[in-house]
Amino acid sequence: MWNRILLVPALLLSVLLWLPQGSNLAAVPAAEGDSASERHPFHVSKCLMQYKPEQQSIQISMHIFLDDLELALEQAGDEDLYLCTGREAAHADRALAAYLNRHFQIKVNGKPADYEFIGKEISDDLAAVWCYMEATEVPAVESLDVRYSVLLDTYSDQKNLANIDWPNGKTGTLLFQEGAEQQRITL
C-alpha cells in the first residue's frame, strides 16, 4: 500500500499532514444518518498512467473511495452494486466500466484512445477500490489529453490527481477539479 501512497503528490500530502496524528485515509464507520462527507472530510481520487513503449500501451491504475464511487454509481442509476464484496451484483463491472468511460477519457496526439477495463480490487485498507485499465496500440506519444471528471458531479470539492510516468524519466502530475476537468500535457 505504501508504494501507492508515494505516488500521491503534494496536495494529498498536505491533507495527510493536516489530519490528526494516527488518522488514516480509510472511511470510518458512520453513525446512523451520517453522510459520506462526514466519514472522510475530503474527496480525492488518484490515478497513475504509465506508457509502456515495448507494448505500445498506456496502463492506468485508478484509486477511488468506495463509498463515494457507490454514491456516484447510484446517482447514475446503478443501485445495490455492493462493489468488492461477496454480494457484488453480476453487472457491477459493466456498470463501473461504463461510469469510467463517461468520466475518464484520453487522447493521444489529438486522437481518442480507447481503453479496456481490465478489472478492480479492493485497497489494502478496504476503504477504496483500485481500477485497472489499458489503452493498447498506442504509438509514440507526443501529447496526451486527459479528461478526468470522476466524482466531480457528485462532490463540488472533489479533486482528481493523475500522475504521469513516461519513459526516460519523464513524469508529471495533473490536478482535475470542477471547472478544470480536462488537461493537456506535451511530452
Protein backbone atom coordinates (compact mmCIF):
# COMPACT_ATOMS: atom_id res chain seq x y z
CA MET A 1 0.00 0.00 0.00
CA TRP A 2 2.76 2.50 0.85
CA ASN A 3 4.26 2.27 -2.62
CA ARG A 4 0.93 3.52 -3.98
CA ILE A 5 0.74 6.37 -1.48
CA LEU A 6 4.19 7.57 -2.56
CA LEU A 7 2.66 8.36 -5.94
CA VAL A 8 0.37 10.93 -4.38
CA PRO A 9 1.58 14.48 -5.00
CA ALA A 10 1.94 17.35 -2.59
CA LEU A 11 -1.79 18.18 -2.45
CA LEU A 12 -2.70 14.90 -0.81
CA LEU A 13 0.43 15.00 1.32
CA SER A 14 -0.69 18.35 2.72
CA VAL A 15 -4.06 16.80 3.55
CA LEU A 16 -2.31 13.94 5.34
CA LEU A 17 -0.24 16.40 7.36
CA TRP A 18 -3.43 18.28 8.27
CA LEU A 19 -5.11 15.18 9.72
CA PRO A 20 -4.67 14.48 13.43
CA GLN A 21 -1.84 12.11 14.28
CA GLY A 22 -2.93 8.50 14.00
CA SER A 23 -5.63 9.25 11.40
CA ASN A 24 -5.70 7.40 8.12
CA LEU A 25 -7.48 7.74 4.80
CA ALA A 26 -9.96 4.97 5.48
CA ALA A 27 -13.59 5.88 5.82
CA VAL A 28 -14.54 5.29 9.42
CA PRO A 29 -17.83 3.60 10.19
CA ALA A 30 -20.56 6.18 10.23
CA ALA A 31 -23.27 6.62 12.79
CA GLU A 32 -26.85 6.34 11.62
CA GLY A 33 -27.68 9.33 9.44
CA ASP A 34 -24.08 10.44 8.82
CA SER A 35 -23.32 11.48 5.27
CA ALA A 36 -20.34 10.23 3.27
CA SER A 37 -18.65 13.63 3.55
CA GLU A 38 -18.71 13.31 7.35
CA ARG A 39 -16.86 9.96 7.13
CA HIS A 40 -13.89 11.48 5.34
CA PRO A 41 -13.64 15.26 5.10
CA PHE A 42 -12.05 15.43 1.65
CA HIS A 43 -12.88 13.92 -1.72
CA VAL A 44 -9.91 12.75 -3.75
CA SER A 45 -9.21 10.11 -6.35
CA LYS A 46 -5.87 9.42 -7.93
CA CYS A 47 -4.54 7.57 -10.91
CA LEU A 48 -1.21 6.55 -12.31
CA MET A 49 -0.75 6.50 -16.08
CA GLN A 50 2.31 4.69 -17.41
CA TYR A 51 3.34 4.45 -21.05
CA LYS A 52 4.95 1.12 -21.95
CA PRO A 53 6.65 1.66 -25.35
CA GLU A 54 7.64 -2.00 -25.74
CA GLN A 55 3.94 -2.94 -25.50
CA GLN A 56 2.67 0.26 -27.13
CA SER A 57 0.22 0.66 -24.28
CA ILE A 58 -0.83 3.08 -21.57
CA GLN A 59 -1.54 1.31 -18.30
CA ILE A 60 -3.87 3.10 -15.90
CA SER A 61 -4.40 2.39 -12.19
CA MET A 62 -7.12 4.46 -10.51
CA HIS A 63 -7.86 4.66 -6.77
CA ILE A 64 -11.38 5.78 -5.75
CA PHE A 65 -13.02 5.71 -2.31
CA LEU A 66 -15.71 3.02 -2.35
CA ASP A 67 -18.42 4.99 -0.56
CA ASP A 68 -18.01 7.90 -2.97
CA LEU A 69 -17.98 5.63 -6.00
CA GLU A 70 -21.06 3.70 -4.86
CA LEU A 71 -22.90 7.00 -4.39
CA ALA A 72 -21.89 8.23 -7.87
CA LEU A 73 -22.97 4.96 -9.45
CA GLU A 74 -26.26 5.09 -7.56
CA GLN A 75 -26.85 8.64 -8.84
CA ALA A 76 -26.20 7.30 -12.35
CA GLY A 77 -28.95 4.70 -11.83
CA ASP A 78 -26.85 1.69 -10.77
CA GLU A 79 -28.04 0.83 -7.28
CA ASP A 80 -27.07 -2.00 -4.94
CA LEU A 81 -23.81 -2.94 -6.67
CA TYR A 82 -22.01 -3.83 -3.41
CA LEU A 83 -18.61 -3.40 -5.09
CA CYS A 84 -15.79 -5.64 -3.88
CA THR A 85 -17.99 -7.69 -1.55
CA GLY A 86 -19.39 -11.20 -1.59
CA ARG A 87 -22.75 -9.66 -2.53
CA GLU A 88 -21.42 -7.84 -5.60
CA ALA A 89 -24.01 -7.56 -8.38
CA ALA A 90 -23.32 -9.59 -11.52
CA HIS A 91 -23.32 -6.42 -13.65
CA ALA A 92 -21.08 -4.40 -11.31
CA ASP A 93 -18.01 -4.45 -13.57
CA ARG A 94 -20.07 -3.36 -16.59
CA ALA A 95 -21.62 -0.50 -14.61
CA LEU A 96 -18.21 0.58 -13.27
CA ALA A 97 -16.59 0.39 -16.72
CA ALA A 98 -19.43 2.45 -18.23
CA TYR A 99 -19.05 5.08 -15.49
CA LEU A 100 -15.30 5.29 -16.04
CA ASN A 101 -15.76 5.56 -19.82
CA ARG A 102 -18.05 8.57 -19.26
CA HIS A 103 -15.75 10.26 -16.76
CA PHE A 104 -12.22 9.34 -17.85
CA GLN A 105 -11.07 9.79 -21.43
CA ILE A 106 -7.69 10.13 -23.05
CA LYS A 107 -6.47 11.37 -26.42
CA VAL A 108 -3.03 10.55 -27.75
CA ASN A 109 -1.61 13.02 -30.26
CA GLY A 110 -5.09 14.55 -30.57
CA LYS A 111 -6.86 11.25 -31.35
CA PRO A 112 -9.17 9.43 -28.90
CA ALA A 113 -7.53 6.38 -27.36
CA ASP A 114 -9.98 3.74 -26.24
CA TYR A 115 -9.04 1.70 -23.23
CA GLU A 116 -10.21 -1.61 -21.84
CA PHE A 117 -11.39 -2.02 -18.27
CA ILE A 118 -9.16 -4.85 -17.02
CA GLY A 119 -10.58 -5.25 -13.53
CA LYS A 120 -10.62 -3.96 -9.98
CA GLU A 121 -9.53 -4.88 -6.48
CA ILE A 122 -10.23 -3.58 -3.01
CA SER A 123 -7.48 -1.43 -1.46
CA ASP A 124 -5.44 -2.74 1.44
CA ASP A 125 -7.38 -0.58 3.91
CA LEU A 126 -10.75 -1.75 2.46
CA ALA A 127 -11.86 1.87 2.00
CA ALA A 128 -11.24 2.20 -1.72
CA VAL A 129 -11.10 0.32 -4.98
CA TRP A 130 -8.24 0.13 -7.45
CA CYS A 131 -9.48 0.08 -11.06
CA TYR A 132 -7.18 -1.09 -13.84
CA MET A 133 -7.47 -0.04 -17.49
CA GLU A 134 -5.23 -0.30 -20.53
CA ALA A 135 -5.11 1.51 -23.87
CA THR A 136 -3.34 -0.58 -26.50
CA GLU A 137 -1.88 0.12 -29.93
CA VAL A 138 -0.61 3.48 -28.71
CA PRO A 139 2.14 4.89 -30.94
CA ALA A 140 4.88 7.18 -29.69
CA VAL A 141 3.18 9.83 -27.58
CA GLU A 142 3.84 13.49 -28.30
CA SER A 143 0.81 14.89 -26.49
CA LEU A 144 -1.71 13.49 -24.06
CA ASP A 145 -5.14 14.99 -23.38
CA VAL A 146 -6.86 13.70 -20.26
CA ARG A 147 -10.45 14.29 -19.17
CA TYR A 148 -10.79 13.10 -15.57
CA SER A 149 -14.19 14.04 -14.16
CA VAL A 150 -14.66 11.07 -11.82
CA LEU A 151 -16.94 12.12 -8.92
CA LEU A 152 -16.96 15.79 -9.98
CA ASP A 153 -20.72 15.64 -10.47
CA THR A 154 -21.10 14.05 -7.01
CA TYR A 155 -18.93 16.38 -4.89
CA SER A 156 -18.22 20.03 -5.63
CA ASP A 157 -14.94 19.80 -3.67
CA GLN A 158 -13.73 16.67 -5.49
CA LYS A 159 -10.09 16.65 -6.60
CA ASN A 160 -8.64 14.12 -9.04
CA LEU A 161 -4.90 13.68 -9.36
CA ALA A 162 -3.22 11.99 -12.33
CA ASN A 163 0.42 11.03 -12.04
CA ILE A 164 2.02 10.59 -15.48
CA ASP A 165 5.03 8.26 -15.69
CA TRP A 166 6.70 8.14 -19.10
CA PRO A 167 9.91 6.52 -20.35
CA ASN A 168 13.21 8.34 -19.97
CA GLY A 169 12.20 9.59 -16.53
CA LYS A 170 9.53 12.00 -17.75
CA THR A 171 6.91 12.45 -15.05
CA GLY A 172 4.22 14.93 -14.20
CA THR A 173 1.14 15.42 -12.08
CA LEU A 174 -2.15 16.90 -13.22
CA LEU A 175 -4.88 18.23 -10.95
CA PHE A 176 -8.50 17.98 -12.09
CA GLN A 177 -11.38 19.69 -10.31
CA GLU A 178 -14.65 21.45 -11.03
CA GLY A 179 -14.04 23.82 -13.94
CA ALA A 180 -10.77 22.07 -14.85
CA GLU A 181 -11.87 18.61 -15.96
CA GLN A 182 -9.55 18.41 -18.95
CA GLN A 183 -5.78 18.94 -19.26
CA ARG A 184 -3.12 18.50 -21.92
CA ILE A 185 0.47 17.54 -21.42
CA THR A 186 3.09 17.66 -24.15
CA LEU A 187 5.75 15.03 -23.90
